[in-house]
Amino acid sequence: MAASLPPSRPRIPGSGLAKGLAVTLRTMTRKTVTEQYPDAQPELPPRTRGVIGLFEENCTVCMLCARECPDWCIYIDSHKETVPAATPGGRDRSRNVLDRFAIDFSLCMYCGICIEVCPFDALFWSPEFEYAETDIRDLTHERDKLREWMWTVPAPPALDPGAEEPKELAAARRTADKLATQQEPAAQQEPAAQQEPAAPEQPAPEQEGRE
């Protein structure tokens, strides 16, 4: 047998209307704040999705961003170059060289998938949003324009005081401390060797001939 529902409270006629009027009255008494844009720039949150900047030095032309883009608005062209072997007898290597990296912001829906899937941190969000154009063809930003947007990318927020140190920084710190400990004994031995005076050379005793 189904459990019986608790008895509902009787509703006072007009209570919903009274609640709605109370919300209206509270809103009417608040001071309205209008941002005087474009004379005053708005204070945007740090994770604002305005435009995408390209850090070309980190791009390896892996094509992950272009393949995962749901709008297919990223265009990448590249070619391969042969890198000679660094050591004699070694094998030559080939590397990808970026020729073109463009994003069509007339198609982009600002989902951020390209930034999330990039394994080498070559794409970043910038809060800049003032790049409207009268010609839709000008909304395709080539790699030179995308590189300029990198200057507007804000610095990453600071970690919490109790957060763990990133693994990369911890590994670099351990390596630096190890090198410092190895260099300290060598630095202590060098002044000691310089302070010790060289012993004067003594003439060899003349050997007397036997009769």
C-alpha atoms as a PDB file:
ATOM      1  CA  MET A   1       0.000   0.000   0.000  1.00  0.00           C
ATOM      2  CA  ALA A   2       1.428   3.352  -0.961  1.00  0.00           C
ATOM      3  CA  ALA A   3       2.356   5.721   1.833  1.00  0.00           C
ATOM      4  CA  SER A   4      -0.086   8.537   2.322  1.00  0.00           C
ATOM      5  CA  LEU A   5       1.122  11.998   1.420  1.00  0.00           C
ATOM      6  CA  PRO A   6       1.363  14.616   4.164  1.00  0.00           C
ATOM      7  CA  PRO A   7      -1.517  17.051   4.185  1.00  0.00           C
ATOM      8  CA  SER A   8      -0.781  20.172   2.160  1.00  0.00           C
ATOM      9  CA  ARG A   9      -0.975  23.554   3.801  1.00  0.00           C
ATOM     10  CA  PRO A  10      -3.857  25.694   2.738  1.00  0.00           C
ATOM     11  CA  ARG A  11      -2.736  28.461   0.405  1.00  0.00           C
ATOM     12  CA  ILE A  12      -3.662  32.007   1.211  1.00  0.00           C
ATOM     13  CA  PRO A  13      -5.362  33.658  -1.759  1.00  0.00           C
ATOM     14  CA  GLY A  14      -3.072  36.189  -3.383  1.00  0.00           C
ATOM     15  CA  SER A  15       0.165  34.984  -1.654  1.00  0.00           C
ATOM     16  CA  GLY A  16       1.923  34.441  -4.976  1.00  0.00           C
ATOM     17  CA  LEU A  17       1.028  37.919  -6.131  1.00  0.00           C
ATOM     18  CA  ALA A  18       2.299  39.378  -2.863  1.00  0.00           C
ATOM     19  CA  LYS A  19       5.648  37.583  -3.217  1.00  0.00           C
ATOM     20  CA  GLY A  20       6.062  38.850  -6.766  1.00  0.00           C
ATOM     21  CA  LEU A  21       5.277  42.422  -5.718  1.00  0.00           C
ATOM     22  CA  ALA A  22       7.772  42.156  -2.866  1.00  0.00           C
ATOM     23  CA  VAL A  23      10.540  41.175  -5.295  1.00  0.00           C
ATOM     24  CA  THR A  24       9.556  44.068  -7.551  1.00  0.00           C
ATOM     25  CA  LEU A  25       9.658  46.553  -4.688  1.00  0.00           C
ATOM     26  CA  ARG A  26      13.104  45.347  -3.540  1.00  0.00           C
ATOM     27  CA  THR A  27      14.444  45.715  -7.070  1.00  0.00           C
ATOM     28  CA  MET A  28      12.941  49.177  -7.492  1.00  0.00           C
ATOM     29  CA  THR A  29      14.657  50.489  -4.374  1.00  0.00           C
ATOM     30  CA  ARG A  30      18.113  49.354  -5.463  1.00  0.00           C
ATOM     31  CA  LYS A  31      20.436  51.779  -7.173  1.00  0.00           C
ATOM     32  CA  THR A  32      20.918  50.964 -10.843  1.00  0.00           C
ATOM     33  CA  VAL A  33      24.509  50.855 -12.075  1.00  0.00           C
ATOM     34  CA  THR A  34      25.132  51.484 -15.757  1.00  0.00           C
ATOM     35  CA  GLU A  35      28.631  50.931 -17.087  1.00  0.00           C
ATOM     36  CA  GLN A  36      29.553  53.801 -19.392  1.00  0.00           C
ATOM     37  CA  TYR A  37      30.957  51.622 -22.168  1.00  0.00           C
ATOM     38  CA  PRO A  38      32.965  52.373 -24.333  1.00  0.00           C
ATOM     39  CA  ASP A  39      34.217  55.333 -22.278  1.00  0.00           C
ATOM     40  CA  ALA A  40      34.744  53.040 -19.279  1.00  0.00           C
ATOM     41  CA  GLN A  41      36.003  49.538 -19.936  1.00  0.00           C
ATOM     42  CA  PRO A  42      34.117  46.760 -18.128  1.00  0.00           C
ATOM     43  CA  GLU A  43      35.826  44.680 -15.450  1.00  0.00           C
ATOM     44  CA  LEU A  44      35.852  41.230 -17.010  1.00  0.00           C
ATOM     45  CA  PRO A  45      36.404  38.007 -15.055  1.00  0.00           C
ATOM     46  CA  PRO A  46      39.829  36.381 -15.549  1.00  0.00           C
ATOM     47  CA  ARG A  47      38.380  33.435 -17.505  1.00  0.00           C
ATOM     48  CA  THR A  48      36.557  35.569 -20.059  1.00  0.00           C
ATOM     49  CA  ARG A  49      36.342  33.981 -23.512  1.00  0.00           C
ATOM     50  CA  GLY A  50      37.084  36.895 -25.786  1.00  0.00           C
ATOM     51  CA  VAL A  51      39.551  35.869 -28.480  1.00  0.00           C
ATOM     52  CA  ILE A  52      42.138  33.094 -28.890  1.00  0.00           C
ATOM     53  CA  GLY A  53      45.861  33.812 -28.890  1.00  0.00           C
ATOM     54  CA  LEU A  54      48.521  31.573 -30.446  1.00  0.00           C
ATOM     55  CA  PHE A  55      51.908  30.916 -28.828  1.00  0.00           C
ATOM     56  CA  GLU A  56      53.573  29.711 -32.010  1.00  0.00           C
ATOM     57  CA  GLU A  57      56.773  28.455 -30.374  1.00  0.00           C
ATOM     58  CA  ASN A  58      54.805  25.728 -28.551  1.00  0.00           C
ATOM     59  CA  CYS A  59      52.868  24.542 -31.599  1.00  0.00           C
ATOM     60  CA  THR A  60      54.040  21.176 -32.958  1.00  0.00           C
ATOM     61  CA  VAL A  61      51.416  20.971 -35.751  1.00  0.00           C
ATOM     62  CA  CYS A  62      49.808  17.944 -34.123  1.00  0.00           C
ATOM     63  CA  MET A  63      46.444  18.994 -35.654  1.00  0.00           C
ATOM     64  CA  LEU A  64      44.497  18.060 -32.516  1.00  0.00           C
ATOM     65  CA  CYS A  65      42.827  21.467 -32.289  1.00  0.00           C
ATOM     66  CA  ALA A  66      41.708  21.372 -35.925  1.00  0.00           C
ATOM     67  CA  ARG A  67      40.407  17.800 -35.669  1.00  0.00           C
ATOM     68  CA  GLU A  68      38.470  18.382 -32.442  1.00  0.00           C
ATOM     69  CA  CYS A  69      36.957  21.727 -33.481  1.00  0.00           C
ATOM     70  CA  PRO A  70      33.186  21.129 -33.922  1.00  0.00           C
ATOM     71  CA  ASP A  71      32.880  24.076 -36.324  1.00  0.00           C
ATOM     72  CA  TRP A  72      35.967  23.286 -38.434  1.00  0.00           C
ATOM     73  CA  CYS A  73      37.062  26.914 -38.187  1.00  0.00           C
ATOM     74  CA  ILE A  74      40.795  26.243 -37.659  1.00  0.00           C
ATOM     75  CA  TYR A  75      43.008  26.053 -40.742  1.00  0.00           C
ATOM     76  CA  ILE A  76      46.552  24.673 -40.449  1.00  0.00           C
ATOM     77  CA  ASP A  77      49.164  24.150 -43.167  1.00  0.00           C
ATOM     78  CA  SER A  78      52.659  22.772 -42.599  1.00  0.00           C
ATOM     79  CA  HIS A  79      55.556  21.004 -44.248  1.00  0.00           C
ATOM     80  CA  LYS A  80      58.296  18.657 -43.085  1.00  0.00           C
ATOM     81  CA  GLU A  81      61.966  19.517 -42.808  1.00  0.00           C
ATOM     82  CA  THR A  82      64.887  17.171 -42.250  1.00  0.00           C
ATOM     83  CA  VAL A  83      67.050  17.879 -39.234  1.00  0.00           C
ATOM     84  CA  PRO A  84      70.593  16.489 -39.627  1.00  0.00           C
ATOM     85  CA  ALA A  85      71.932  14.173 -36.967  1.00  0.00           C
ATOM     86  CA  ALA A  86      73.594  15.877 -34.030  1.00  0.00           C
ATOM     87  CA  THR A  87      76.226  13.147 -33.622  1.00  0.00           C
ATOM     88  CA  PRO A  88      78.255  11.355 -36.268  1.00  0.00           C
ATOM     89  CA  GLY A  89      76.604   8.131 -37.289  1.00  0.00           C
ATOM     90  CA  GLY A  90      73.213   9.248 -35.970  1.00  0.00           C
ATOM     91  CA  ARG A  91      69.977   9.264 -37.892  1.00  0.00           C
ATOM     92  CA  ASP A  92      68.415  12.347 -39.444  1.00  0.00           C
ATOM     93  CA  ARG A  93      65.119  13.445 -37.952  1.00  0.00           C
ATOM     94  CA  SER A  94      62.140  15.161 -39.542  1.00  0.00           C
ATOM     95  CA  ARG A  95      60.056  17.866 -37.909  1.00  0.00           C
ATOM     96  CA  ASN A  96      56.886  19.722 -38.823  1.00  0.00           C
ATOM     97  CA  VAL A  97      57.183  23.404 -39.684  1.00  0.00           C
ATOM     98  CA  LEU A  98      54.101  25.590 -39.355  1.00  0.00           C
ATOM     99  CA  ASP A  99      53.163  27.480 -42.525  1.00  0.00           C
ATOM    100  CA  ARG A 100      49.688  28.715 -41.675  1.00  0.00           C
ATOM    101  CA  PHE A 101      47.529  28.823 -38.560  1.00  0.00           C
ATOM    102  CA  ALA A 102      44.239  30.692 -38.896  1.00  0.00           C
ATOM    103  CA  ILE A 103      40.966  30.816 -36.957  1.00  0.00           C
ATOM    104  CA  ASP A 104      37.722  31.979 -38.536  1.00  0.00           C
ATOM    105  CA  PHE A 105      35.934  33.764 -35.692  1.00  0.00           C
ATOM    106  CA  SER A 106      32.806  34.173 -37.818  1.00  0.00           C
ATOM    107  CA  LEU A 107      32.327  30.405 -37.391  1.00  0.00           C
ATOM    108  CA  CYS A 108      33.860  29.942 -33.936  1.00  0.00           C
ATOM    109  CA  MET A 109      31.330  29.291 -31.150  1.00  0.00           C
ATOM    110  CA  TYR A 110      33.898  29.866 -28.357  1.00  0.00           C
ATOM    111  CA  CYS A 111      33.537  26.397 -26.868  1.00  0.00           C
ATOM    112  CA  GLY A 112      37.227  26.284 -25.876  1.00  0.00           C
ATOM    113  CA  ILE A 113      37.763  22.681 -26.991  1.00  0.00           C
ATOM    114  CA  CYS A 114      40.834  23.624 -29.048  1.00  0.00           C
ATOM    115  CA  ILE A 115      42.474  25.173 -25.980  1.00  0.00           C
ATOM    116  CA  GLU A 116      41.642  22.202 -23.765  1.00  0.00           C
ATOM    117  CA  VAL A 117      42.947  19.518 -26.144  1.00  0.00           C
ATOM    118  CA  CYS A 118      46.216  21.299 -27.004  1.00  0.00           C
ATOM    119  CA  PRO A 119      48.903  19.145 -25.318  1.00  0.00           C
ATOM    120  CA  PHE A 120      51.644  21.790 -25.527  1.00  0.00           C
ATOM    121  CA  ASP A 121      49.843  24.956 -24.310  1.00  0.00           C
ATOM    122  CA  ALA A 122      49.956  26.780 -27.625  1.00  0.00           C
ATOM    123  CA  LEU A 123      46.451  28.320 -27.436  1.00  0.00           C
ATOM    124  CA  PHE A 124      45.174  30.707 -24.759  1.00  0.00           C
ATOM    125  CA  TRP A 125      42.043  32.711 -24.021  1.00  0.00           C
ATOM    126  CA  SER A 126      42.300  36.481 -24.108  1.00  0.00           C
ATOM    127  CA  PRO A 127      39.591  38.726 -22.608  1.00  0.00           C
ATOM    128  CA  GLU A 128      39.760  41.097 -25.588  1.00  0.00           C
ATOM    129  CA  PHE A 129      36.419  41.251 -27.388  1.00  0.00           C
ATOM    130  CA  GLU A 130      36.652  44.428 -29.459  1.00  0.00           C
ATOM    131  CA  TYR A 131      37.524  42.959 -32.846  1.00  0.00           C
ATOM    132  CA  ALA A 132      34.295  43.416 -34.789  1.00  0.00           C
ATOM    133  CA  GLU A 133      34.715  43.987 -38.522  1.00  0.00           C
ATOM    134  CA  THR A 134      32.541  45.383 -41.280  1.00  0.00           C
ATOM    135  CA  ASP A 135      33.772  42.663 -43.648  1.00  0.00           C
ATOM    136  CA  ILE A 136      33.228  39.069 -42.553  1.00  0.00           C
ATOM    137  CA  ARG A 137      36.423  38.004 -44.315  1.00  0.00           C
ATOM    138  CA  ASP A 138      38.463  40.083 -41.860  1.00  0.00           C
ATOM    139  CA  LEU A 139      37.275  37.851 -38.988  1.00  0.00           C
ATOM    140  CA  THR A 140      39.700  35.140 -40.173  1.00  0.00           C
ATOM    141  CA  HIS A 141      42.778  35.870 -38.081  1.00  0.00           C
ATOM    142  CA  GLU A 142      46.053  34.522 -39.424  1.00  0.00           C
ATOM    143  CA  ARG A 143      48.915  33.447 -37.185  1.00  0.00           C
ATOM    144  CA  ASP A 144      50.495  36.928 -37.077  1.00  0.00           C
ATOM    145  CA  LYS A 145      47.249  38.363 -35.720  1.00  0.00           C
ATOM    146  CA  LEU A 146      46.812  35.446 -33.316  1.00  0.00           C
ATOM    147  CA  ARG A 147      50.343  36.026 -32.039  1.00  0.00           C
ATOM    148  CA  GLU A 148      49.480  39.679 -31.290  1.00  0.00           C
ATOM    149  CA  TRP A 149      46.581  38.546 -29.114  1.00  0.00           C
ATOM    150  CA  MET A 150      49.080  36.749 -26.860  1.00  0.00           C
ATOM    151  CA  TRP A 151      50.145  40.134 -25.446  1.00  0.00           C
ATOM    152  CA  THR A 152      46.630  40.553 -24.038  1.00  0.00           C
ATOM    153  CA  VAL A 153      46.454  37.158 -22.315  1.00  0.00           C
ATOM    154  CA  PRO A 154      46.339  37.712 -18.521  1.00  0.00           C
ATOM    155  CA  ALA A 155      48.782  36.010 -16.196  1.00  0.00           C
ATOM    156  CA  PRO A 156      47.535  32.793 -14.591  1.00  0.00           C
ATOM    157  CA  PRO A 157      45.990  33.219 -11.146  1.00  0.00           C
ATOM    158  CA  ALA A 158      48.163  32.492  -8.142  1.00  0.00           C
ATOM    159  CA  LEU A 159      47.859  29.135  -6.452  1.00  0.00           C
ATOM    160  CA  ASP A 160      46.230  28.758  -3.078  1.00  0.00           C
ATOM    161  CA  PRO A 161      48.681  29.076  -0.166  1.00  0.00           C
ATOM    162  CA  GLY A 162      48.059  25.467   0.826  1.00  0.00           C
ATOM    163  CA  ALA A 163      48.244  24.028  -2.693  1.00  0.00           C
ATOM    164  CA  GLU A 164      50.972  21.609  -3.689  1.00  0.00           C
ATOM    165  CA  GLU A 165      53.818  22.849  -5.819  1.00  0.00           C
ATOM    166  CA  PRO A 166      53.479  21.926  -9.517  1.00  0.00           C
ATOM    167  CA  LYS A 167      55.401  18.814 -10.512  1.00  0.00           C
ATOM    168  CA  GLU A 168      57.436  20.694 -13.111  1.00  0.00           C
ATOM    169  CA  LEU A 169      58.612  23.295 -10.591  1.00  0.00           C
ATOM    170  CA  ALA A 170      59.343  20.644  -7.981  1.00  0.00           C
ATOM    171  CA  ALA A 171      61.463  18.626 -10.437  1.00  0.00           C
ATOM    172  CA  ALA A 172      63.346  21.749 -11.574  1.00  0.00           C
ATOM    173  CA  ARG A 173      63.965  22.766  -7.953  1.00  0.00           C
ATOM    174  CA  ARG A 174      65.347  19.335  -7.040  1.00  0.00           C
ATOM    175  CA  THR A 175      67.681  19.418 -10.047  1.00  0.00           C
ATOM    176  CA  ALA A 176      68.921  22.906  -9.147  1.00  0.00           C
ATOM    177  CA  ASP A 177      69.511  21.911  -5.508  1.00  0.00           C
ATOM    178  CA  LYS A 178      71.426  18.812  -6.601  1.00  0.00           C
ATOM    179  CA  LEU A 179      73.688  20.851  -8.883  1.00  0.00           C
ATOM    180  CA  ALA A 180      74.267  23.391  -6.119  1.00  0.00           C
ATOM    181  CA  THR A 181      75.340  20.704  -3.662  1.00  0.00           C
ATOM    182  CA  GLN A 182      77.733  19.228  -6.231  1.00  0.00           C
ATOM    183  CA  GLN A 183      79.320  22.614  -6.922  1.00  0.00           C
ATOM    184  CA  GLU A 184      79.840  23.572  -3.256  1.00  0.00           C
ATOM    185  CA  PRO A 185      82.700  21.064  -2.529  1.00  0.00           C
ATOM    186  CA  ALA A 186      84.477  22.049  -5.748  1.00  0.00           C
ATOM    187  CA  ALA A 187      84.183  25.743  -4.845  1.00  0.00           C
ATOM    188  CA  GLN A 188      85.620  25.070  -1.378  1.00  0.00           C
ATOM    189  CA  GLN A 189      88.580  23.102  -2.717  1.00  0.00           C
ATOM    190  CA  GLU A 190      89.662  25.779  -5.202  1.00  0.00           C
ATOM    191  CA  PRO A 191      90.421  28.524  -2.590  1.00  0.00           C
ATOM    192  CA  ALA A 192      92.249  25.985  -0.407  1.00  0.00           C
ATOM    193  CA  ALA A 193      94.459  24.977  -3.310  1.00  0.00           C
ATOM    194  CA  GLN A 194      95.218  28.610  -4.069  1.00  0.00           C
ATOM    195  CA  GLN A 195      96.158  29.441  -0.449  1.00  0.00           C
ATOM    196  CA  GLU A 196      98.649  26.587   0.018  1.00  0.00           C
ATOM    197  CA  PRO A 197     102.142  27.960  -0.860  1.00  0.00           C
ATOM    198  CA  ALA A 198     104.235  25.857  -3.088  1.00  0.00           C
ATOM    199  CA  ALA A 199     107.145  24.140  -1.299  1.00  0.00           C
ATOM    200  CA  PRO A 200     110.584  25.562  -2.342  1.00  0.00           C
ATOM    201  CA  GLU A 201     112.647  23.253  -4.388  1.00  0.00           C
ATOM    202  CA  GLN A 202     115.675  21.945  -2.456  1.00  0.00           C
ATOM    203  CA  PRO A 203     118.889  21.232  -4.332  1.00  0.00           C
ATOM    204  CA  ALA A 204     119.748  17.606  -4.616  1.00  0.00           C
ATOM    205  CA  PRO A 205     122.636  16.566  -2.228  1.00  0.00           C
ATOM    206  CA  GLU A 206     125.912  15.968  -3.984  1.00  0.00           C
ATOM    207  CA  GLN A 207     126.949  12.393  -3.865  1.00  0.00           C
ATOM    208  CA  GLU A 208     130.472  11.865  -2.560  1.00  0.00           C
ATOM    209  CA  GLY A 209     132.540   9.373  -4.416  1.00  0.00           C
ATOM    210  CA  ARG A 210     133.960   6.455  -2.470  1.00  0.00           C
ATOM    211  CA  GLU A 211     137.647   5.847  -2.416  1.00  0.00           C
END
